[in-house]
Amino acid sequence: MTNLPPGVPDVISHREPPATELFLIPDEVSAELRVSRGDLKRLRDAGLGPAYFTIGSTIRYLQADVDQWRAKHPHGIEIPQRRSLGEGR
């Protein structure tokens, strides 16, 4: 609790942390989960990985989402196989 005059909002305690602390890039998430970037992409493409969002064309993760995913999968998860070149044609 601060000693501010009545009616003066305490903006300092309600300030958001810097964006660099909020968003993780795929390299950071793949290192944390101990999977390759390609495996992380396959998890993402299959809808099996941690929640993510995009800013323009860049992919970002929230640390809380990665932590939640890890808690749900304490022993990991089977990573989908790579598609062969002829598959899906």
Protein backbone atom coordinates (compact mmCIF):
# COMPACT_ATOMS: atom_id res chain seq x y z
CA MET A 1 0.00 0.00 0.00
CA THR A 2 1.28 3.44 -0.86
CA ASN A 3 0.75 6.75 0.89
CA LEU A 4 -0.75 8.64 -2.04
CA PRO A 5 -3.32 11.38 -1.59
CA PRO A 6 -6.94 10.28 -2.09
CA GLY A 7 -7.96 10.08 -5.73
CA VAL A 8 -4.41 9.68 -7.07
CA PRO A 9 -4.09 6.28 -8.79
CA ASP A 10 -1.17 4.08 -7.91
CA VAL A 11 0.00 3.55 -11.49
CA ILE A 12 3.39 2.14 -10.55
CA SER A 13 2.02 -1.01 -8.90
CA HIS A 14 -0.29 -1.62 -11.88
CA ARG A 15 2.37 -1.26 -14.56
CA GLU A 16 2.84 -4.15 -16.96
CA PRO A 17 6.26 -5.80 -17.07
CA PRO A 18 8.39 -5.05 -20.15
CA ALA A 19 7.35 -6.93 -23.28
CA THR A 20 10.69 -8.75 -23.37
CA GLU A 21 9.64 -10.56 -20.19
CA LEU A 22 6.22 -11.49 -21.53
CA PHE A 23 6.90 -13.01 -24.93
CA LEU A 24 9.09 -15.96 -25.80
CA ILE A 25 10.39 -16.71 -29.27
CA PRO A 26 10.33 -20.26 -30.70
CA ASP A 27 14.07 -20.71 -30.06
CA GLU A 28 13.54 -20.07 -26.33
CA VAL A 29 10.56 -22.41 -26.13
CA SER A 30 12.27 -25.21 -28.04
CA ALA A 31 15.29 -24.91 -25.70
CA GLU A 32 13.04 -24.96 -22.64
CA LEU A 33 11.12 -27.99 -23.88
CA ARG A 34 14.32 -29.64 -25.14
CA VAL A 35 12.99 -30.19 -28.65
CA SER A 36 14.24 -28.92 -31.99
CA ARG A 37 12.64 -25.89 -33.64
CA GLY A 38 11.30 -28.25 -36.31
CA ASP A 39 9.69 -30.48 -33.68
CA LEU A 40 8.15 -27.43 -32.01
CA LYS A 41 6.75 -26.38 -35.39
CA ARG A 42 5.27 -29.84 -35.96
CA LEU A 43 3.64 -29.69 -32.52
CA ARG A 44 2.29 -26.24 -33.34
CA ASP A 45 1.02 -27.31 -36.78
CA ALA A 46 -0.73 -30.35 -35.26
CA GLY A 47 -2.32 -28.24 -32.52
CA LEU A 48 -0.45 -30.21 -29.85
CA GLY A 49 2.09 -27.68 -28.60
CA PRO A 50 1.85 -24.77 -26.19
CA ALA A 51 -0.58 -21.98 -27.04
CA TYR A 52 0.98 -19.32 -29.25
CA PHE A 53 0.03 -16.19 -31.12
CA THR A 54 1.42 -14.21 -33.99
CA ILE A 55 2.44 -10.59 -34.27
CA GLY A 56 2.48 -9.98 -37.99
CA SER A 57 4.28 -13.06 -39.24
CA THR A 58 6.28 -13.73 -36.07
CA ILE A 59 5.30 -16.45 -33.60
CA ARG A 60 5.37 -15.69 -29.88
CA TYR A 61 4.56 -17.63 -26.73
CA LEU A 62 3.66 -16.54 -23.22
CA GLN A 63 5.76 -18.12 -20.47
CA ALA A 64 2.57 -18.96 -18.54
CA ASP A 65 1.25 -20.92 -21.55
CA VAL A 66 4.51 -22.86 -21.87
CA ASP A 67 4.47 -23.61 -18.12
CA GLN A 68 0.84 -24.76 -18.33
CA TRP A 69 1.63 -27.02 -21.30
CA ARG A 70 4.58 -28.55 -19.44
CA ALA A 71 2.39 -29.20 -16.41
CA LYS A 72 -0.14 -31.03 -18.61
CA HIS A 73 2.60 -33.10 -20.28
CA PRO A 74 5.15 -33.89 -17.53
CA HIS A 75 6.53 -36.86 -19.51
CA GLY A 76 6.50 -35.10 -22.86
CA ILE A 77 4.36 -35.85 -25.88
CA GLU A 78 4.79 -37.85 -29.05
CA ILE A 79 5.92 -35.51 -31.79
CA PRO A 80 4.18 -35.98 -35.15
CA GLN A 81 6.37 -37.46 -37.86
CA ARG A 82 7.66 -35.38 -40.73
CA ARG A 83 5.65 -35.69 -43.89
CA SER A 84 7.44 -37.34 -46.76
CA LEU A 85 7.86 -35.38 -49.97
CA GLY A 86 5.20 -37.39 -51.82
CA GLU A 87 2.67 -37.39 -48.99
CA GLY A 88 -0.46 -35.32 -49.43
CA ARG A 89 -0.18 -35.05 -53.21
